[in-house]
N, C-alpha and C. Protein backbone atom coordinates (compact mmCIF):
# COMPACT_ATOMS: atom_id res chain seq x y z
N UNK A 1 -12.89 -24.04 2.50
CA UNK A 1 -12.02 -23.38 3.42
C UNK A 1 -11.65 -22.06 2.81
N UNK A 2 -11.79 -20.97 3.58
CA UNK A 2 -11.57 -19.58 3.10
C UNK A 2 -10.10 -19.28 3.61
N UNK A 3 -9.27 -18.79 2.71
CA UNK A 3 -7.90 -18.41 3.04
C UNK A 3 -7.83 -16.86 2.91
N UNK A 4 -7.28 -16.28 4.01
CA UNK A 4 -7.11 -14.93 3.85
C UNK A 4 -6.23 -14.34 2.84
N UNK A 5 -5.19 -15.05 2.47
CA UNK A 5 -4.36 -14.83 1.44
C UNK A 5 -4.92 -14.86 0.15
N UNK A 6 -6.08 -15.44 -0.13
CA UNK A 6 -6.80 -15.54 -1.29
C UNK A 6 -7.94 -14.39 -1.30
N UNK A 7 -8.13 -13.68 -0.33
CA UNK A 7 -9.09 -12.72 -0.26
C UNK A 7 -8.98 -11.67 -1.35
N UNK A 8 -10.22 -11.17 -1.83
CA UNK A 8 -9.99 -10.05 -2.75
C UNK A 8 -9.64 -8.78 -2.27
N UNK A 9 -8.88 -8.06 -2.90
CA UNK A 9 -8.48 -6.73 -2.38
C UNK A 9 -9.60 -5.74 -2.53
N UNK A 10 -9.75 -4.83 -1.62
CA UNK A 10 -10.82 -3.87 -1.61
C UNK A 10 -10.19 -2.54 -2.27
N UNK A 11 -11.07 -1.67 -2.78
CA UNK A 11 -10.68 -0.29 -3.12
C UNK A 11 -10.56 0.52 -1.77
N UNK A 12 -9.45 1.12 -1.62
CA UNK A 12 -9.29 1.92 -0.16
C UNK A 12 -8.73 3.22 -0.52
N UNK A 13 -9.07 4.14 0.50
CA UNK A 13 -8.61 5.53 0.28
C UNK A 13 -7.02 5.56 0.44
N UNK A 14 -6.55 6.52 -0.29
CA UNK A 14 -5.01 6.68 -0.24
C UNK A 14 -4.36 6.74 1.04
N UNK A 15 -5.21 7.46 1.91
CA UNK A 15 -4.72 7.71 3.29
C UNK A 15 -4.57 6.52 4.01
N UNK A 16 -5.50 5.63 3.85
CA UNK A 16 -5.52 4.23 4.52
C UNK A 16 -4.30 3.51 4.09
N UNK A 17 -4.06 3.55 2.64
CA UNK A 17 -2.93 2.78 2.04
C UNK A 17 -1.59 3.32 2.56
N UNK A 18 -1.49 4.68 2.70
CA UNK A 18 -0.22 5.30 3.39
C UNK A 18 -0.20 4.83 4.73
N UNK A 19 -1.12 4.76 5.48
CA UNK A 19 -1.04 4.30 6.87
C UNK A 19 -0.48 2.89 7.01
N UNK A 20 -1.06 1.98 6.17
CA UNK A 20 -0.57 0.59 6.03
C UNK A 20 0.98 0.51 5.69
N UNK A 21 1.28 1.27 4.65
CA UNK A 21 2.69 1.42 4.38
C UNK A 21 3.62 1.76 5.41
N UNK A 22 3.24 2.78 6.15
CA UNK A 22 3.97 3.24 7.38
C UNK A 22 4.11 2.22 8.34
N UNK A 23 2.96 1.34 8.61
CA UNK A 23 2.97 0.33 9.64
C UNK A 23 3.86 -0.79 9.17
N UNK A 24 4.20 -0.95 7.85
CA UNK A 24 5.10 -1.85 7.27
C UNK A 24 6.52 -1.36 7.04
N UNK A 25 6.72 -0.18 7.78
CA UNK A 25 8.11 0.28 7.77
C UNK A 25 8.54 1.28 6.75
N UNK A 26 7.47 1.63 5.85
CA UNK A 26 7.84 2.73 4.97
C UNK A 26 7.80 3.92 5.42
N UNK A 27 8.69 4.91 4.86
CA UNK A 27 8.62 6.34 5.30
C UNK A 27 8.27 7.17 4.03
N UNK A 28 7.59 8.29 4.33
CA UNK A 28 7.26 9.28 3.33
C UNK A 28 8.55 9.90 2.85
N UNK A 29 9.00 9.71 1.51
CA UNK A 29 10.31 10.32 1.19
C UNK A 29 10.08 11.71 0.63
N UNK A 30 9.13 11.82 -0.21
CA UNK A 30 8.79 13.16 -0.82
C UNK A 30 7.44 13.09 -1.47
N UNK A 31 6.98 14.42 -1.80
CA UNK A 31 5.73 14.59 -2.36
C UNK A 31 5.87 15.33 -3.56
N UNK A 32 5.37 14.84 -4.63
CA UNK A 32 5.31 15.43 -6.03
C UNK A 32 4.02 15.60 -6.54
N UNK A 33 3.38 16.75 -6.39
CA UNK A 33 2.01 17.07 -6.88
C UNK A 33 0.99 16.13 -5.95
N UNK A 34 0.32 15.20 -6.55
CA UNK A 34 -0.57 14.36 -5.84
C UNK A 34 -0.08 12.97 -5.69
N UNK A 35 1.20 12.86 -5.78
CA UNK A 35 1.91 11.56 -5.79
C UNK A 35 2.87 11.57 -4.46
N UNK A 36 2.60 10.61 -3.60
CA UNK A 36 3.39 10.49 -2.40
C UNK A 36 4.33 9.25 -2.54
N UNK A 37 5.72 9.58 -2.41
CA UNK A 37 6.68 8.59 -2.60
C UNK A 37 7.22 8.05 -1.22
N UNK A 38 7.00 6.65 -1.09
CA UNK A 38 7.39 5.96 0.10
C UNK A 38 8.52 5.10 -0.11
N UNK A 39 9.50 4.98 0.94
CA UNK A 39 10.66 4.22 0.83
C UNK A 39 10.81 3.50 2.17
N UNK A 40 11.16 2.08 2.13
CA UNK A 40 11.49 1.33 3.19
C UNK A 40 13.03 1.35 3.28
N UNK A 41 13.58 1.81 4.40
CA UNK A 41 15.12 1.85 4.36
C UNK A 41 15.62 0.43 4.78
N UNK A 42 14.74 -0.33 5.42
CA UNK A 42 15.15 -1.84 5.76
C UNK A 42 15.25 -2.68 4.38
N UNK A 43 14.24 -2.70 3.67
CA UNK A 43 14.06 -3.54 2.57
C UNK A 43 14.71 -2.91 1.20
N UNK A 44 14.86 -1.57 1.24
CA UNK A 44 15.29 -0.80 0.10
C UNK A 44 14.30 -0.79 -1.00
N UNK A 45 13.02 -0.97 -0.71
CA UNK A 45 11.93 -0.91 -1.65
C UNK A 45 11.22 0.29 -1.56
N UNK A 46 10.77 0.87 -2.76
CA UNK A 46 9.95 2.14 -2.97
C UNK A 46 8.70 1.91 -3.68
N UNK A 47 7.66 2.82 -3.37
CA UNK A 47 6.57 2.69 -4.18
C UNK A 47 5.90 4.10 -4.01
N UNK A 48 4.83 4.33 -4.91
CA UNK A 48 4.16 5.68 -4.92
C UNK A 48 2.69 5.48 -4.77
N UNK A 49 2.07 6.29 -4.04
CA UNK A 49 0.69 6.32 -3.59
C UNK A 49 0.13 7.49 -4.30
N UNK A 50 -0.83 7.41 -5.18
CA UNK A 50 -1.54 8.63 -5.88
C UNK A 50 -2.71 9.06 -4.93
N UNK A 51 -2.71 10.36 -4.63
CA UNK A 51 -3.75 11.01 -3.79
C UNK A 51 -4.45 11.92 -4.84
N UNK A 52 -5.46 11.24 -5.49
CA UNK A 52 -6.15 11.93 -6.46
C UNK A 52 -7.69 12.11 -6.10
N UNK A 53 -8.02 12.06 -4.90
CA UNK A 53 -9.37 12.36 -4.45
C UNK A 53 -10.30 11.35 -4.50
N UNK A 54 -9.82 10.13 -4.92
CA UNK A 54 -10.74 8.84 -4.94
C UNK A 54 -9.90 7.75 -4.37
N UNK A 55 -10.72 6.63 -4.17
CA UNK A 55 -10.05 5.36 -3.55
C UNK A 55 -9.06 4.73 -4.66
N UNK A 56 -8.10 4.04 -4.11
CA UNK A 56 -7.04 3.45 -4.95
C UNK A 56 -7.80 2.24 -5.45
N UNK A 57 -7.78 1.98 -6.87
CA UNK A 57 -8.52 0.83 -7.47
C UNK A 57 -7.83 -0.48 -7.11
N UNK A 58 -8.59 -1.66 -7.16
CA UNK A 58 -7.96 -2.90 -6.76
C UNK A 58 -6.71 -3.15 -7.48
N UNK A 59 -6.80 -3.08 -8.81
CA UNK A 59 -5.58 -3.42 -9.70
C UNK A 59 -4.28 -2.63 -9.33
N UNK A 60 -4.50 -1.18 -9.03
CA UNK A 60 -3.33 -0.60 -8.57
C UNK A 60 -2.89 -0.91 -7.27
N UNK A 61 -3.79 -1.12 -6.47
CA UNK A 61 -3.49 -1.56 -4.99
C UNK A 61 -2.56 -2.93 -5.06
N UNK A 62 -3.07 -3.83 -6.07
CA UNK A 62 -2.24 -5.07 -6.08
C UNK A 62 -0.87 -4.72 -6.65
N UNK A 63 -0.67 -3.89 -7.60
CA UNK A 63 0.67 -3.45 -8.05
C UNK A 63 1.57 -2.87 -7.01
N UNK A 64 0.96 -1.89 -6.26
CA UNK A 64 1.64 -1.20 -5.06
C UNK A 64 2.15 -2.35 -4.15
N UNK A 65 1.36 -3.40 -3.78
CA UNK A 65 1.62 -4.18 -2.72
C UNK A 65 2.90 -5.26 -3.38
N UNK A 66 2.71 -5.50 -4.64
CA UNK A 66 3.82 -6.30 -5.33
C UNK A 66 5.07 -5.56 -5.21
N UNK A 67 5.03 -4.24 -5.63
CA UNK A 67 6.18 -3.25 -5.74
C UNK A 67 6.85 -3.18 -4.36
N UNK A 68 5.96 -3.16 -3.23
CA UNK A 68 6.46 -2.84 -1.86
C UNK A 68 6.84 -4.30 -1.33
N UNK A 69 6.49 -5.38 -1.97
CA UNK A 69 6.75 -6.81 -1.36
C UNK A 69 6.04 -7.03 -0.17
N UNK A 70 4.71 -6.54 -0.05
CA UNK A 70 3.83 -6.73 1.11
C UNK A 70 2.78 -7.85 0.64
N UNK A 71 2.76 -8.94 1.42
CA UNK A 71 1.82 -10.01 1.12
C UNK A 71 0.35 -9.55 1.37
N UNK A 72 -0.57 -10.30 0.77
CA UNK A 72 -2.03 -9.95 1.14
C UNK A 72 -2.33 -10.15 2.50
N UNK A 73 -1.69 -11.31 3.07
CA UNK A 73 -1.90 -11.73 4.47
C UNK A 73 -1.45 -10.46 5.31
N UNK A 74 -0.27 -9.90 5.10
CA UNK A 74 0.26 -8.80 5.87
C UNK A 74 -0.65 -7.49 5.67
N UNK A 75 -1.06 -7.25 4.40
CA UNK A 75 -1.88 -6.14 4.14
C UNK A 75 -3.15 -6.32 4.91
N UNK A 76 -3.76 -7.35 5.00
CA UNK A 76 -5.07 -7.45 5.77
C UNK A 76 -4.85 -7.54 7.23
N UNK A 77 -3.64 -7.96 7.73
CA UNK A 77 -3.28 -7.84 9.09
C UNK A 77 -3.13 -6.44 9.54
N UNK A 78 -2.41 -5.69 8.68
CA UNK A 78 -2.18 -4.23 9.06
C UNK A 78 -3.39 -3.39 8.89
N UNK A 79 -4.25 -3.69 7.93
CA UNK A 79 -5.56 -2.91 7.68
C UNK A 79 -6.60 -2.87 8.82
N UNK A 80 -6.59 -4.10 9.46
CA UNK A 80 -7.24 -4.17 10.69
C UNK A 80 -8.78 -4.35 10.52
């Protein structure tokens, strides 16, 4: 049986990750160089998305999701 919560994370463009964060209630707080800082006023959680011209690696994506307290299930739901 395949569980969506156990699915491997893909490498995704930073623009797509930013869109997912916004769908989860995060707002762009500020930009410093190539780093976009997002904050969720409801959960009081913050995270940073690097816009370096290439996809966000799986490991970093996993850390960002942990920091933002977004489950893999919610990530795949919002990703579409």
